[in-house]
Amino acid sequence: MRSEQDILRISIIVTFVLAGVGVGFGLLAGSASIVFDGVYSLMDASMTVLALIVSRLITSSMAEASRAKLARHFTMGFWHLEPMVLGLSGVMLMGAAIYALITAIGSLDVGGAGAVL
């Protein structure tokens, strides 16, 4: 059985590939909404990479060998990083959703045909 981090790595790789295909297809098709979907997926996958890094940092700080070295520099540990990463991820994805809402309203304002790149 694979570890949770291995499955998360596979998920990240697949998400990056699908997001890249989405952006490429959206550019070829001239569709801003498909490009936006790909960019949104790239942002989500990037935040997942950051969460994985923080997760590995937390688990590595629990090991005895590195605990003394890390404790000198990070006296409160790394647990506080996890909510910060989740907050940053939420703010970025909400910003992207607000951008999509604004562009959708603008598209409807000019006739609803949709933005073409």
PDB file of N, CA and C in Angstrom:
ATOM      1  N   MET A   1       0.842  -1.188   0.000  1.00  0.00           N
ATOM      2  CA  MET A   1       0.000   0.000   0.000  1.00  0.00           C
ATOM      3  C   MET A   1       0.877   1.238   0.000  1.00  0.00           C
ATOM      4  N   ARG A   2       0.521   2.207  -0.767  1.00  0.00           N
ATOM      5  CA  ARG A   2       1.299   3.439  -0.862  1.00  0.00           C
ATOM      6  C   ARG A   2       0.950   4.370   0.298  1.00  0.00           C
ATOM      7  N   SER A   3       1.901   5.227   0.613  1.00  0.00           N
ATOM      8  CA  SER A   3       1.646   6.187   1.676  1.00  0.00           C
ATOM      9  C   SER A   3       0.767   7.314   1.144  1.00  0.00           C
ATOM     10  N   GLU A   4       0.233   8.073   2.065  1.00  0.00           N
ATOM     11  CA  GLU A   4      -0.628   9.201   1.700  1.00  0.00           C
ATOM     12  C   GLU A   4       0.146  10.219   0.863  1.00  0.00           C
ATOM     13  N   GLN A   5       1.398  10.448   1.199  1.00  0.00           N
ATOM     14  CA  GLN A   5       2.198  11.418   0.459  1.00  0.00           C
ATOM     15  C   GLN A   5       2.483  10.951  -0.961  1.00  0.00           C
ATOM     16  N   ASP A   6       2.683   9.640  -1.166  1.00  0.00           N
ATOM     17  CA  ASP A   6       2.895   9.118  -2.520  1.00  0.00           C
ATOM     18  C   ASP A   6       1.656   9.318  -3.383  1.00  0.00           C
ATOM     19  N   ILE A   7       0.494   9.052  -2.820  1.00  0.00           N
ATOM     20  CA  ILE A   7      -0.754   9.234  -3.560  1.00  0.00           C
ATOM     21  C   ILE A   7      -0.967  10.715  -3.856  1.00  0.00           C
ATOM     22  N   LEU A   8      -0.619  11.570  -2.912  1.00  0.00           N
ATOM     23  CA  LEU A   8      -0.750  13.004  -3.121  1.00  0.00           C
ATOM     24  C   LEU A   8       0.188  13.473  -4.234  1.00  0.00           C
ATOM     25  N   ARG A   9       1.391  12.934  -4.298  1.00  0.00           N
ATOM     26  CA  ARG A   9       2.330  13.282  -5.376  1.00  0.00           C
ATOM     27  C   ARG A   9       1.773  12.888  -6.747  1.00  0.00           C
ATOM     28  N   ILE A  10       1.211  11.698  -6.841  1.00  0.00           N
ATOM     29  CA  ILE A  10       0.620  11.243  -8.103  1.00  0.00           C
ATOM     30  C   ILE A  10      -0.536  12.161  -8.495  1.00  0.00           C
ATOM     31  N   SER A  11      -1.355  12.514  -7.536  1.00  0.00           N
ATOM     32  CA  SER A  11      -2.474  13.417  -7.793  1.00  0.00           C
ATOM     33  C   SER A  11      -1.992  14.775  -8.284  1.00  0.00           C
ATOM     34  N   ILE A  12      -0.925  15.289  -7.699  1.00  0.00           N
ATOM     35  CA  ILE A  12      -0.371  16.583  -8.102  1.00  0.00           C
ATOM     36  C   ILE A  12       0.147  16.517  -9.539  1.00  0.00           C
ATOM     37  N   ILE A  13       0.863  15.454  -9.865  1.00  0.00           N
ATOM     38  CA  ILE A  13       1.413  15.312 -11.215  1.00  0.00           C
ATOM     39  C   ILE A  13       0.294  15.247 -12.242  1.00  0.00           C
ATOM     40  N   VAL A  14      -0.737  14.451 -11.971  1.00  0.00           N
ATOM     41  CA  VAL A  14      -1.862  14.323 -12.901  1.00  0.00           C
ATOM     42  C   VAL A  14      -2.589  15.664 -13.039  1.00  0.00           C
ATOM     43  N   THR A  15      -2.748  16.386 -11.934  1.00  0.00           N
ATOM     44  CA  THR A  15      -3.420  17.687 -11.987  1.00  0.00           C
ATOM     45  C   THR A  15      -2.630  18.676 -12.816  1.00  0.00           C
ATOM     46  N   PHE A  16      -1.290  18.695 -12.653  1.00  0.00           N
ATOM     47  CA  PHE A  16      -0.467  19.587 -13.468  1.00  0.00           C
ATOM     48  C   PHE A  16      -0.575  19.244 -14.953  1.00  0.00           C
ATOM     49  N   VAL A  17      -0.565  17.956 -15.279  1.00  0.00           N
ATOM     50  CA  VAL A  17      -0.666  17.540 -16.680  1.00  0.00           C
ATOM     51  C   VAL A  17      -2.019  17.944 -17.262  1.00  0.00           C
ATOM     52  N   LEU A  18      -3.095  17.669 -16.543  1.00  0.00           N
ATOM     53  CA  LEU A  18      -4.425  18.018 -17.042  1.00  0.00           C
ATOM     54  C   LEU A  18      -4.610  19.531 -17.139  1.00  0.00           C
ATOM     55  N   ALA A  19      -4.049  20.275 -16.191  1.00  0.00           N
ATOM     56  CA  ALA A  19      -4.146  21.736 -16.242  1.00  0.00           C
ATOM     57  C   ALA A  19      -3.380  22.269 -17.443  1.00  0.00           C
ATOM     58  N   GLY A  20      -2.205  21.719 -17.697  1.00  0.00           N
ATOM     59  CA  GLY A  20      -1.432  22.140 -18.867  1.00  0.00           C
ATOM     60  C   GLY A  20      -2.162  21.833 -20.164  1.00  0.00           C
ATOM     61  N   VAL A  21      -2.779  20.667 -20.236  1.00  0.00           N
ATOM     62  CA  VAL A  21      -3.566  20.308 -21.419  1.00  0.00           C
ATOM     63  C   VAL A  21      -4.755  21.262 -21.552  1.00  0.00           C
ATOM     64  N   GLY A  22      -5.387  21.605 -20.444  1.00  0.00           N
ATOM     65  CA  GLY A  22      -6.517  22.526 -20.474  1.00  0.00           C
ATOM     66  C   GLY A  22      -6.120  23.898 -20.966  1.00  0.00           C
ATOM     67  N   VAL A  23      -5.000  24.410 -20.472  1.00  0.00           N
ATOM     68  CA  VAL A  23      -4.524  25.723 -20.918  1.00  0.00           C
ATOM     69  C   VAL A  23      -4.181  25.672 -22.407  1.00  0.00           C
ATOM     70  N   GLY A  24      -3.479  24.637 -22.820  1.00  0.00           N
ATOM     71  CA  GLY A  24      -3.115  24.503 -24.229  1.00  0.00           C
ATOM     72  C   GLY A  24      -4.331  24.393 -25.134  1.00  0.00           C
ATOM     73  N   PHE A  25      -5.294  23.564 -24.747  1.00  0.00           N
ATOM     74  CA  PHE A  25      -6.506  23.401 -25.544  1.00  0.00           C
ATOM     75  C   PHE A  25      -7.307  24.696 -25.570  1.00  0.00           C
ATOM     76  N   GLY A  26      -7.356  25.383 -24.422  1.00  0.00           N
ATOM     77  CA  GLY A  26      -8.081  26.654 -24.368  1.00  0.00           C
ATOM     78  C   GLY A  26      -7.463  27.701 -25.271  1.00  0.00           C
ATOM     79  N   LEU A  27      -6.131  27.739 -25.316  1.00  0.00           N
ATOM     80  CA  LEU A  27      -5.453  28.683 -26.221  1.00  0.00           C
ATOM     81  C   LEU A  27      -5.703  28.328 -27.675  1.00  0.00           C
ATOM     82  N   LEU A  28      -5.657  27.031 -27.987  1.00  0.00           N
ATOM     83  CA  LEU A  28      -5.923  26.606 -29.371  1.00  0.00           C
ATOM     84  C   LEU A  28      -7.364  26.884 -29.779  1.00  0.00           C
ATOM     85  N   ALA A  29      -8.281  26.692 -28.847  1.00  0.00           N
ATOM     86  CA  ALA A  29      -9.693  26.897 -29.148  1.00  0.00           C
ATOM     87  C   ALA A  29     -10.098  28.359 -29.051  1.00  0.00           C
ATOM     88  N   GLY A  30      -9.248  29.189 -28.453  1.00  0.00           N
ATOM     89  CA  GLY A  30      -9.585  30.599 -28.292  1.00  0.00           C
ATOM     90  C   GLY A  30     -10.621  30.840 -27.216  1.00  0.00           C
ATOM     91  N   SER A  31     -10.671  29.968 -26.222  1.00  0.00           N
ATOM     92  CA  SER A  31     -11.676  30.063 -25.170  1.00  0.00           C
ATOM     93  C   SER A  31     -11.035  30.503 -23.860  1.00  0.00           C
ATOM     94  N   ALA A  32     -11.433  31.680 -23.393  1.00  0.00           N
ATOM     95  CA  ALA A  32     -10.891  32.204 -22.137  1.00  0.00           C
ATOM     96  C   ALA A  32     -11.357  31.378 -20.940  1.00  0.00           C
ATOM     97  N   SER A  33     -12.554  30.803 -21.028  1.00  0.00           N
ATOM     98  CA  SER A  33     -13.058  30.028 -19.897  1.00  0.00           C
ATOM     99  C   SER A  33     -12.288  28.715 -19.722  1.00  0.00           C
ATOM    100  N   ILE A  34     -11.887  28.095 -20.815  1.00  0.00           N
ATOM    101  CA  ILE A  34     -11.098  26.860 -20.706  1.00  0.00           C
ATOM    102  C   ILE A  34      -9.696  27.183 -20.196  1.00  0.00           C
ATOM    103  N   VAL A  35      -9.125  28.289 -20.664  1.00  0.00           N
ATOM    104  CA  VAL A  35      -7.816  28.715 -20.165  1.00  0.00           C
ATOM    105  C   VAL A  35      -7.905  29.015 -18.671  1.00  0.00           C
ATOM    106  N   PHE A  36      -8.968  29.714 -18.260  1.00  0.00           N
ATOM    107  CA  PHE A  36      -9.142  30.025 -16.847  1.00  0.00           C
ATOM    108  C   PHE A  36      -9.248  28.753 -16.014  1.00  0.00           C
ATOM    109  N   ASP A  37      -9.983  27.771 -16.504  1.00  0.00           N
ATOM    110  CA  ASP A  37     -10.114  26.510 -15.771  1.00  0.00           C
ATOM    111  C   ASP A  37      -8.757  25.840 -15.595  1.00  0.00           C
ATOM    112  N   GLY A  38      -7.937  25.870 -16.643  1.00  0.00           N
ATOM    113  CA  GLY A  38      -6.591  25.299 -16.539  1.00  0.00           C
ATOM    114  C   GLY A  38      -5.720  26.067 -15.562  1.00  0.00           C
ATOM    115  N   VAL A  39      -5.798  27.396 -15.600  1.00  0.00           N
ATOM    116  CA  VAL A  39      -5.008  28.215 -14.671  1.00  0.00           C
ATOM    117  C   VAL A  39      -5.471  27.989 -13.238  1.00  0.00           C
ATOM    118  N   TYR A  40      -6.777  27.870 -13.044  1.00  0.00           N
ATOM    119  CA  TYR A  40      -7.321  27.594 -11.709  1.00  0.00           C
ATOM    120  C   TYR A  40      -6.794  26.256 -11.187  1.00  0.00           C
ATOM    121  N   SER A  41      -6.757  25.255 -12.056  1.00  0.00           N
ATOM    122  CA  SER A  41      -6.222  23.944 -11.660  1.00  0.00           C
ATOM    123  C   SER A  41      -4.733  24.038 -11.338  1.00  0.00           C
ATOM    124  N   LEU A  42      -3.992  24.830 -12.109  1.00  0.00           N
ATOM    125  CA  LEU A  42      -2.568  25.025 -11.815  1.00  0.00           C
ATOM    126  C   LEU A  42      -2.365  25.681 -10.455  1.00  0.00           C
ATOM    127  N   MET A  43      -3.188  26.673 -10.141  1.00  0.00           N
ATOM    128  CA  MET A  43      -3.097  27.326  -8.832  1.00  0.00           C
ATOM    129  C   MET A  43      -3.401  26.344  -7.713  1.00  0.00           C
ATOM    130  N   ASP A  44      -4.433  25.540  -7.908  1.00  0.00           N
ATOM    131  CA  ASP A  44      -4.813  24.558  -6.898  1.00  0.00           C
ATOM    132  C   ASP A  44      -3.711  23.528  -6.699  1.00  0.00           C
ATOM    133  N   ALA A  45      -3.127  23.054  -7.788  1.00  0.00           N
ATOM    134  CA  ALA A  45      -2.047  22.072  -7.687  1.00  0.00           C
ATOM    135  C   ALA A  45      -0.812  22.681  -7.026  1.00  0.00           C
ATOM    136  N   SER A  46      -0.534  23.941  -7.315  1.00  0.00           N
ATOM    137  CA  SER A  46       0.611  24.612  -6.689  1.00  0.00           C
ATOM    138  C   SER A  46       0.423  24.720  -5.186  1.00  0.00           C
ATOM    139  N   MET A  47      -0.781  25.034  -4.768  1.00  0.00           N
ATOM    140  CA  MET A  47      -1.055  25.119  -3.333  1.00  0.00           C
ATOM    141  C   MET A  47      -0.977  23.734  -2.679  1.00  0.00           C
ATOM    142  N   THR A  48      -1.342  22.704  -3.435  1.00  0.00           N
ATOM    143  CA  THR A  48      -1.222  21.343  -2.910  1.00  0.00           C
ATOM    144  C   THR A  48       0.249  20.963  -2.747  1.00  0.00           C
ATOM    145  N   VAL A  49       1.107  21.399  -3.674  1.00  0.00           N
ATOM    146  CA  VAL A  49       2.551  21.171  -3.541  1.00  0.00           C
ATOM    147  C   VAL A  49       3.062  21.847  -2.277  1.00  0.00           C
ATOM    148  N   LEU A  50       2.642  23.079  -2.048  1.00  0.00           N
ATOM    149  CA  LEU A  50       3.060  23.793  -0.846  1.00  0.00           C
ATOM    150  C   LEU A  50       2.579  23.080   0.419  1.00  0.00           C
ATOM    151  N   ALA A  51       1.350  22.571   0.396  1.00  0.00           N
ATOM    152  CA  ALA A  51       0.826  21.820   1.545  1.00  0.00           C
ATOM    153  C   ALA A  51       1.626  20.539   1.766  1.00  0.00           C
ATOM    154  N   LEU A  52       2.039  19.883   0.683  1.00  0.00           N
ATOM    155  CA  LEU A  52       2.854  18.673   0.810  1.00  0.00           C
ATOM    156  C   LEU A  52       4.214  18.993   1.424  1.00  0.00           C
ATOM    157  N   ILE A  53       4.803  20.114   1.013  1.00  0.00           N
ATOM    158  CA  ILE A  53       6.094  20.518   1.582  1.00  0.00           C
ATOM    159  C   ILE A  53       5.960  20.771   3.075  1.00  0.00           C
ATOM    160  N   VAL A  54       4.911  21.462   3.468  1.00  0.00           N
ATOM    161  CA  VAL A  54       4.692  21.740   4.893  1.00  0.00           C
ATOM    162  C   VAL A  54       4.441  20.440   5.640  1.00  0.00           C
ATOM    163  N   SER A  55       3.695  19.536   5.037  1.00  0.00           N
ATOM    164  CA  SER A  55       3.437  18.238   5.672  1.00  0.00           C
ATOM    165  C   SER A  55       4.733  17.468   5.894  1.00  0.00           C
ATOM    166  N   ARG A  56       5.598  17.461   4.896  1.00  0.00           N
ATOM    167  CA  ARG A  56       6.885  16.766   5.045  1.00  0.00           C
ATOM    168  C   ARG A  56       7.754  17.456   6.097  1.00  0.00           C
ATOM    169  N   LEU A  57       7.684  18.781   6.164  1.00  0.00           N
ATOM    170  CA  LEU A  57       8.445  19.532   7.152  1.00  0.00           C
ATOM    171  C   LEU A  57       7.979  19.191   8.561  1.00  0.00           C
ATOM    172  N   ILE A  58       6.675  19.087   8.746  1.00  0.00           N
ATOM    173  CA  ILE A  58       6.127  18.743  10.062  1.00  0.00           C
ATOM    174  C   ILE A  58       6.532  17.330  10.454  1.00  0.00           C
ATOM    175  N   THR A  59       6.405  16.377   9.518  1.00  0.00           N
ATOM    176  CA  THR A  59       6.760  14.999   9.861  1.00  0.00           C
ATOM    177  C   THR A  59       8.258  14.838  10.081  1.00  0.00           C
ATOM    178  N   SER A  60       9.074  15.585   9.336  1.00  0.00           N
ATOM    179  CA  SER A  60      10.518  15.472   9.543  1.00  0.00           C
ATOM    180  C   SER A  60      10.941  16.104  10.860  1.00  0.00           C
ATOM    181  N   SER A  61      10.197  17.091  11.325  1.00  0.00           N
ATOM    182  CA  SER A  61      10.553  17.718  12.594  1.00  0.00           C
ATOM    183  C   SER A  61      10.248  16.809  13.776  1.00  0.00           C
ATOM    184  N   MET A  62       9.452  15.777  13.548  1.00  0.00           N
ATOM    185  CA  MET A  62       9.106  14.841  14.612  1.00  0.00           C
ATOM    186  C   MET A  62      10.199  13.794  14.819  1.00  0.00           C
ATOM    187  N   ALA A  63      11.095  13.643  13.858  1.00  0.00           N
ATOM    188  CA  ALA A  63      12.170  12.660  13.974  1.00  0.00           C
ATOM    189  C   ALA A  63      13.195  13.142  15.008  1.00  0.00           C
ATOM    190  N   GLU A  64      13.716  12.245  15.772  1.00  0.00           N
ATOM    191  CA  GLU A  64      14.660  12.581  16.840  1.00  0.00           C
ATOM    192  C   GLU A  64      15.936  13.243  16.335  1.00  0.00           C
ATOM    193  N   ALA A  65      16.450  12.789  15.208  1.00  0.00           N
ATOM    194  CA  ALA A  65      17.736  13.288  14.721  1.00  0.00           C
ATOM    195  C   ALA A  65      17.672  14.772  14.376  1.00  0.00           C
ATOM    196  N   SER A  66      16.585  15.192  13.774  1.00  0.00           N
ATOM    197  CA  SER A  66      16.516  16.589  13.352  1.00  0.00           C
ATOM    198  C   SER A  66      15.806  17.469  14.367  1.00  0.00           C
ATOM    199  N   ARG A  67      15.227  16.892  15.391  1.00  0.00           N
ATOM    200  CA  ARG A  67      14.444  17.671  16.344  1.00  0.00           C
ATOM    201  C   ARG A  67      15.289  18.728  17.050  1.00  0.00           C
ATOM    202  N   ALA A  68      16.485  18.387  17.513  1.00  0.00           N
ATOM    203  CA  ALA A  68      17.318  19.344  18.242  1.00  0.00           C
ATOM    204  C   ALA A  68      17.768  20.489  17.342  1.00  0.00           C
ATOM    205  N   LYS A  69      18.152  20.164  16.110  1.00  0.00           N
ATOM    206  CA  LYS A  69      18.616  21.185  15.182  1.00  0.00           C
ATOM    207  C   LYS A  69      17.491  22.151  14.809  1.00  0.00           C
ATOM    208  N   LEU A  70      16.328  21.607  14.522  1.00  0.00           N
ATOM    209  CA  LEU A  70      15.206  22.450  14.135  1.00  0.00           C
ATOM    210  C   LEU A  70      14.627  23.211  15.322  1.00  0.00           C
ATOM    211  N   ALA A  71      14.709  22.651  16.496  1.00  0.00           N
ATOM    212  CA  ALA A  71      14.140  23.298  17.682  1.00  0.00           C
ATOM    213  C   ALA A  71      14.855  24.599  18.012  1.00  0.00           C
ATOM    214  N   ARG A  72      16.127  24.697  17.672  1.00  0.00           N
ATOM    215  CA  ARG A  72      16.848  25.946  17.927  1.00  0.00           C
ATOM    216  C   ARG A  72      16.308  27.085  17.077  1.00  0.00           C
ATOM    217  N   HIS A  73      15.936  26.788  15.843  1.00  0.00           N
ATOM    218  CA  HIS A  73      15.487  27.829  14.928  1.00  0.00           C
ATOM    219  C   HIS A  73      13.969  28.042  14.943  1.00  0.00           C
ATOM    220  N   PHE A  74      13.248  26.972  15.157  1.00  0.00           N
ATOM    221  CA  PHE A  74      11.784  27.042  15.154  1.00  0.00           C
ATOM    222  C   PHE A  74      11.276  26.525  16.496  1.00  0.00           C
ATOM    223  N   THR A  75      11.273  27.378  17.481  1.00  0.00           N
ATOM    224  CA  THR A  75      10.936  26.952  18.846  1.00  0.00           C
ATOM    225  C   THR A  75       9.473  26.543  18.979  1.00  0.00           C
ATOM    226  N   MET A  76       8.615  27.060  18.138  1.00  0.00           N
ATOM    227  CA  MET A  76       7.192  26.721  18.219  1.00  0.00           C
ATOM    228  C   MET A  76       6.810  25.599  17.257  1.00  0.00           C
ATOM    229  N   GLY A  77       7.772  25.059  16.542  1.00  0.00           N
ATOM    230  CA  GLY A  77       7.493  23.995  15.596  1.00  0.00           C
ATOM    231  C   GLY A  77       6.968  24.523  14.278  1.00  0.00           C
ATOM    232  N   PHE A  78       6.464  23.611  13.463  1.00  0.00           N
ATOM    233  CA  PHE A  78       5.981  23.967  12.131  1.00  0.00           C
ATOM    234  C   PHE A  78       4.465  23.868  12.003  1.00  0.00           C
ATOM    235  N   TRP A  79       3.785  23.558  13.092  1.00  0.00           N
ATOM    236  CA  TRP A  79       2.347  23.357  13.031  1.00  0.00           C
ATOM    237  C   TRP A  79       1.606  24.617  12.605  1.00  0.00           C
ATOM    238  N   HIS A  80       2.164  25.770  12.907  1.00  0.00           N
ATOM    239  CA  HIS A  80       1.499  27.022  12.548  1.00  0.00           C
ATOM    240  C   HIS A  80       1.522  27.277  11.044  1.00  0.00           C
ATOM    241  N   LEU A  81       2.371  26.595  10.300  1.00  0.00           N
ATOM    242  CA  LEU A  81       2.452  26.801   8.853  1.00  0.00           C
ATOM    243  C   LEU A  81       1.251  26.219   8.109  1.00  0.00           C
ATOM    244  N   GLU A  82       0.697  25.137   8.639  1.00  0.00           N
ATOM    245  CA  GLU A  82      -0.412  24.477   7.951  1.00  0.00           C
ATOM    246  C   GLU A  82      -1.635  25.388   7.797  1.00  0.00           C
ATOM    247  N   PRO A  83      -2.115  26.048   8.857  1.00  0.00           N
ATOM    248  CA  PRO A  83      -3.248  26.953   8.642  1.00  0.00           C
ATOM    249  C   PRO A  83      -2.900  28.151   7.767  1.00  0.00           C
ATOM    250  N   MET A  84      -1.639  28.572   7.798  1.00  0.00           N
ATOM    251  CA  MET A  84      -1.231  29.686   6.943  1.00  0.00           C
ATOM    252  C   MET A  84      -1.299  29.284   5.469  1.00  0.00           C
ATOM    253  N   VAL A  85      -0.860  28.074   5.153  1.00  0.00           N
ATOM    254  CA  VAL A  85      -0.923  27.579   3.772  1.00  0.00           C
ATOM    255  C   VAL A  85      -2.379  27.427   3.329  1.00  0.00           C
ATOM    256  N   LEU A  86      -3.220  26.906   4.206  1.00  0.00           N
ATOM    257  CA  LEU A  86      -4.631  26.756   3.863  1.00  0.00           C
ATOM    258  C   LEU A  86      -5.292  28.109   3.646  1.00  0.00           C
ATOM    259  N   GLY A  87      -4.940  29.087   4.477  1.00  0.00           N
ATOM    260  CA  GLY A  87      -5.481  30.432   4.302  1.00  0.00           C
ATOM    261  C   GLY A  87      -5.031  31.058   2.998  1.00  0.00           C
ATOM    262  N   LEU A  88      -3.750  30.925   2.673  1.00  0.00           N
ATOM    263  CA  LEU A  88      -3.227  31.455   1.417  1.00  0.00           C
ATOM    264  C   LEU A  88      -3.909  30.790   0.223  1.00  0.00           C
ATOM    265  N   SER A  89      -4.086  29.495   0.309  1.00  0.00           N
ATOM    266  CA  SER A  89      -4.750  28.765  -0.771  1.00  0.00           C
ATOM    267  C   SER A  89      -6.179  29.256  -0.954  1.00  0.00           C
ATOM    268  N   GLY A  90      -6.883  29.417   0.147  1.00  0.00           N
ATOM    269  CA  GLY A  90      -8.261  29.902   0.071  1.00  0.00           C
ATOM    270  C   GLY A  90      -8.356  31.294  -0.518  1.00  0.00           C
ATOM    271  N   VAL A  91      -7.447  32.177  -0.105  1.00  0.00           N
ATOM    272  CA  VAL A  91      -7.460  33.548  -0.619  1.00  0.00           C
ATOM    273  C   VAL A  91      -7.155  33.563  -2.118  1.00  0.00           C
ATOM    274  N   MET A  92      -6.178  32.775  -2.546  1.00  0.00           N
ATOM    275  CA  MET A  92      -5.834  32.737  -3.970  1.00  0.00           C
ATOM    276  C   MET A  92      -6.979  32.192  -4.817  1.00  0.00           C
ATOM    277  N   LEU A  93      -7.595  31.110  -4.360  1.00  0.00           N
ATOM    278  CA  LEU A  93      -8.676  30.516  -5.142  1.00  0.00           C
ATOM    279  C   LEU A  93      -9.931  31.391  -5.120  1.00  0.00           C
ATOM    280  N   MET A  94     -10.181  32.080  -4.007  1.00  0.00           N
ATOM    281  CA  MET A  94     -11.301  33.024  -3.983  1.00  0.00           C
ATOM    282  C   MET A  94     -11.032  34.202  -4.914  1.00  0.00           C
ATOM    283  N   GLY A  95      -9.777  34.661  -4.947  1.00  0.00           N
ATOM    284  CA  GLY A  95      -9.422  35.727  -5.876  1.00  0.00           C
ATOM    285  C   GLY A  95      -9.648  35.317  -7.318  1.00  0.00           C
ATOM    286  N   ALA A  96      -9.295  34.087  -7.637  1.00  0.00           N
ATOM    287  CA  ALA A  96      -9.517  33.588  -8.996  1.00  0.00           C
ATOM    288  C   ALA A  96     -11.009  33.500  -9.297  1.00  0.00           C
ATOM    289  N   ALA A  97     -11.793  33.067  -8.336  1.00  0.00           N
ATOM    290  CA  ALA A  97     -13.240  32.977  -8.544  1.00  0.00           C
ATOM    291  C   ALA A  97     -13.861  34.364  -8.711  1.00  0.00           C
ATOM    292  N   ILE A  98     -13.382  35.338  -7.954  1.00  0.00           N
ATOM    293  CA  ILE A  98     -13.881  36.709  -8.096  1.00  0.00           C
ATOM    294  C   ILE A  98     -13.501  37.262  -9.469  1.00  0.00           C
ATOM    295  N   TYR A  99     -12.274  36.980  -9.922  1.00  0.00           N
ATOM    296  CA  TYR A  99     -11.858  37.387 -11.260  1.00  0.00           C
ATOM    297  C   TYR A  99     -12.781  36.778 -12.313  1.00  0.00           C
ATOM    298  N   ALA A 100     -13.109  35.500 -12.158  1.00  0.00           N
ATOM    299  CA  ALA A 100     -14.003  34.841 -13.110  1.00  0.00           C
ATOM    300  C   ALA A 100     -15.383  35.473 -13.091  1.00  0.00           C
ATOM    301  N   LEU A 101     -15.872  35.829 -11.915  1.00  0.00           N
ATOM    302  CA  LEU A 101     -17.179  36.477 -11.816  1.00  0.00           C
ATOM    303  C   LEU A 101     -17.172  37.826 -12.528  1.00  0.00           C
ATOM    304  N   ILE A 102     -16.120  38.601 -12.300  1.00  0.00           N
ATOM    305  CA  ILE A 102     -16.031  39.924 -12.929  1.00  0.00           C
ATOM    306  C   ILE A 102     -15.954  39.809 -14.450  1.00  0.00           C
ATOM    307  N   THR A 103     -15.147  38.879 -14.943  1.00  0.00           N
ATOM    308  CA  THR A 103     -15.054  38.721 -16.395  1.00  0.00           C
ATOM    309  C   THR A 103     -16.353  38.165 -16.980  1.00  0.00           C
ATOM    310  N   ALA A 104     -17.050  37.329 -16.234  1.00  0.00           N
ATOM    311  CA  ALA A 104     -18.337  36.812 -16.719  1.00  0.00           C
ATOM    312  C   ALA A 104     -19.366  37.935 -16.810  1.00  0.00           C
ATOM    313  N   ILE A 105     -19.392  38.813 -15.815  1.00  0.00           N
ATOM    314  CA  ILE A 105     -20.309  39.947 -15.853  1.00  0.00           C
ATOM    315  C   ILE A 105     -19.956  40.861 -17.030  1.00  0.00           C
ATOM    316  N   GLY A 106     -18.665  41.089 -17.226  1.00  0.00           N
ATOM    317  CA  GLY A 106     -18.230  41.907 -18.370  1.00  0.00           C
ATOM    318  C   GLY A 106     -18.622  41.269 -19.686  1.00  0.00           C
ATOM    319  N   SER A 107     -18.531  39.957 -19.776  1.00  0.00           N
ATOM    320  CA  SER A 107     -18.914  39.253 -20.994  1.00  0.00           C
ATOM    321  C   SER A 107     -20.398  39.386 -21.253  1.00  0.00           C
ATOM    322  N   LEU A 108     -21.205  39.262 -20.203  1.00  0.00           N
ATOM    323  CA  LEU A 108     -22.651  39.437 -20.357  1.00  0.00           C
ATOM    324  C   LEU A 108     -23.005  40.873 -20.751  1.00  0.00           C
ATOM    325  N   ASP A 109     -22.214  41.809 -20.253  1.00  0.00           N
ATOM    326  CA  ASP A 109     -22.454  43.224 -20.547  1.00  0.00           C
ATOM    327  C   ASP A 109     -22.261  43.547 -22.029  1.00  0.00           C
ATOM    328  N   VAL A 110     -21.363  42.835 -22.689  1.00  0.00           N
ATOM    329  CA  VAL A 110     -21.110  43.101 -24.112  1.00  0.00           C
ATOM    330  C   VAL A 110     -21.894  42.174 -25.030  1.00  0.00           C
ATOM    331  N   GLY A 111     -22.833  41.448 -24.496  1.00  0.00           N
ATOM    332  CA  GLY A 111     -23.686  40.621 -25.350  1.00  0.00           C
ATOM    333  C   GLY A 111     -23.689  39.163 -25.010  1.00  0.00           C
ATOM    334  N   GLY A 112     -22.846  38.728 -24.083  1.00  0.00           N
ATOM    335  CA  GLY A 112     -22.874  37.341 -23.626  1.00  0.00           C
ATOM    336  C   GLY A 112     -22.205  36.358 -24.553  1.00  0.00           C
ATOM    337  N   ALA A 113     -21.471  36.827 -25.525  1.00  0.00           N
ATOM    338  CA  ALA A 113     -20.834  35.904 -26.462  1.00  0.00           C
ATOM    339  C   ALA A 113     -19.653  35.206 -25.829  1.00  0.00           C
ATOM    340  N   GLY A 114     -19.127  35.737 -24.761  1.00  0.00           N
ATOM    341  CA  GLY A 114     -17.965  35.135 -24.118  1.00  0.00           C
ATOM    342  C   GLY A 114     -16.684  35.728 -24.646  1.00  0.00           C
ATOM    343  N   ALA A 115     -15.716  35.764 -23.800  1.00  0.00           N
ATOM    344  CA  ALA A 115     -14.434  36.344 -24.187  1.00  0.00           C
ATOM    345  C   ALA A 115     -13.666  35.342 -25.048  1.00  0.00           C
ATOM    346  N   VAL A 116     -13.131  35.839 -26.109  1.00  0.00           N
ATOM    347  CA  VAL A 116     -12.299  35.012 -26.980  1.00  0.00           C
ATOM    348  C   VAL A 116     -10.900  35.590 -26.954  1.00  0.00           C
ATOM    349  N   LEU A 117      -9.934  34.729 -26.781  1.00  0.00           N
ATOM    350  CA  LEU A 117      -8.540  35.181 -26.704  1.00  0.00           C
ATOM    351  C   LEU A 117      -8.023  35.662 -28.031  1.00  0.00           C
TER     352      LEU A 117
END
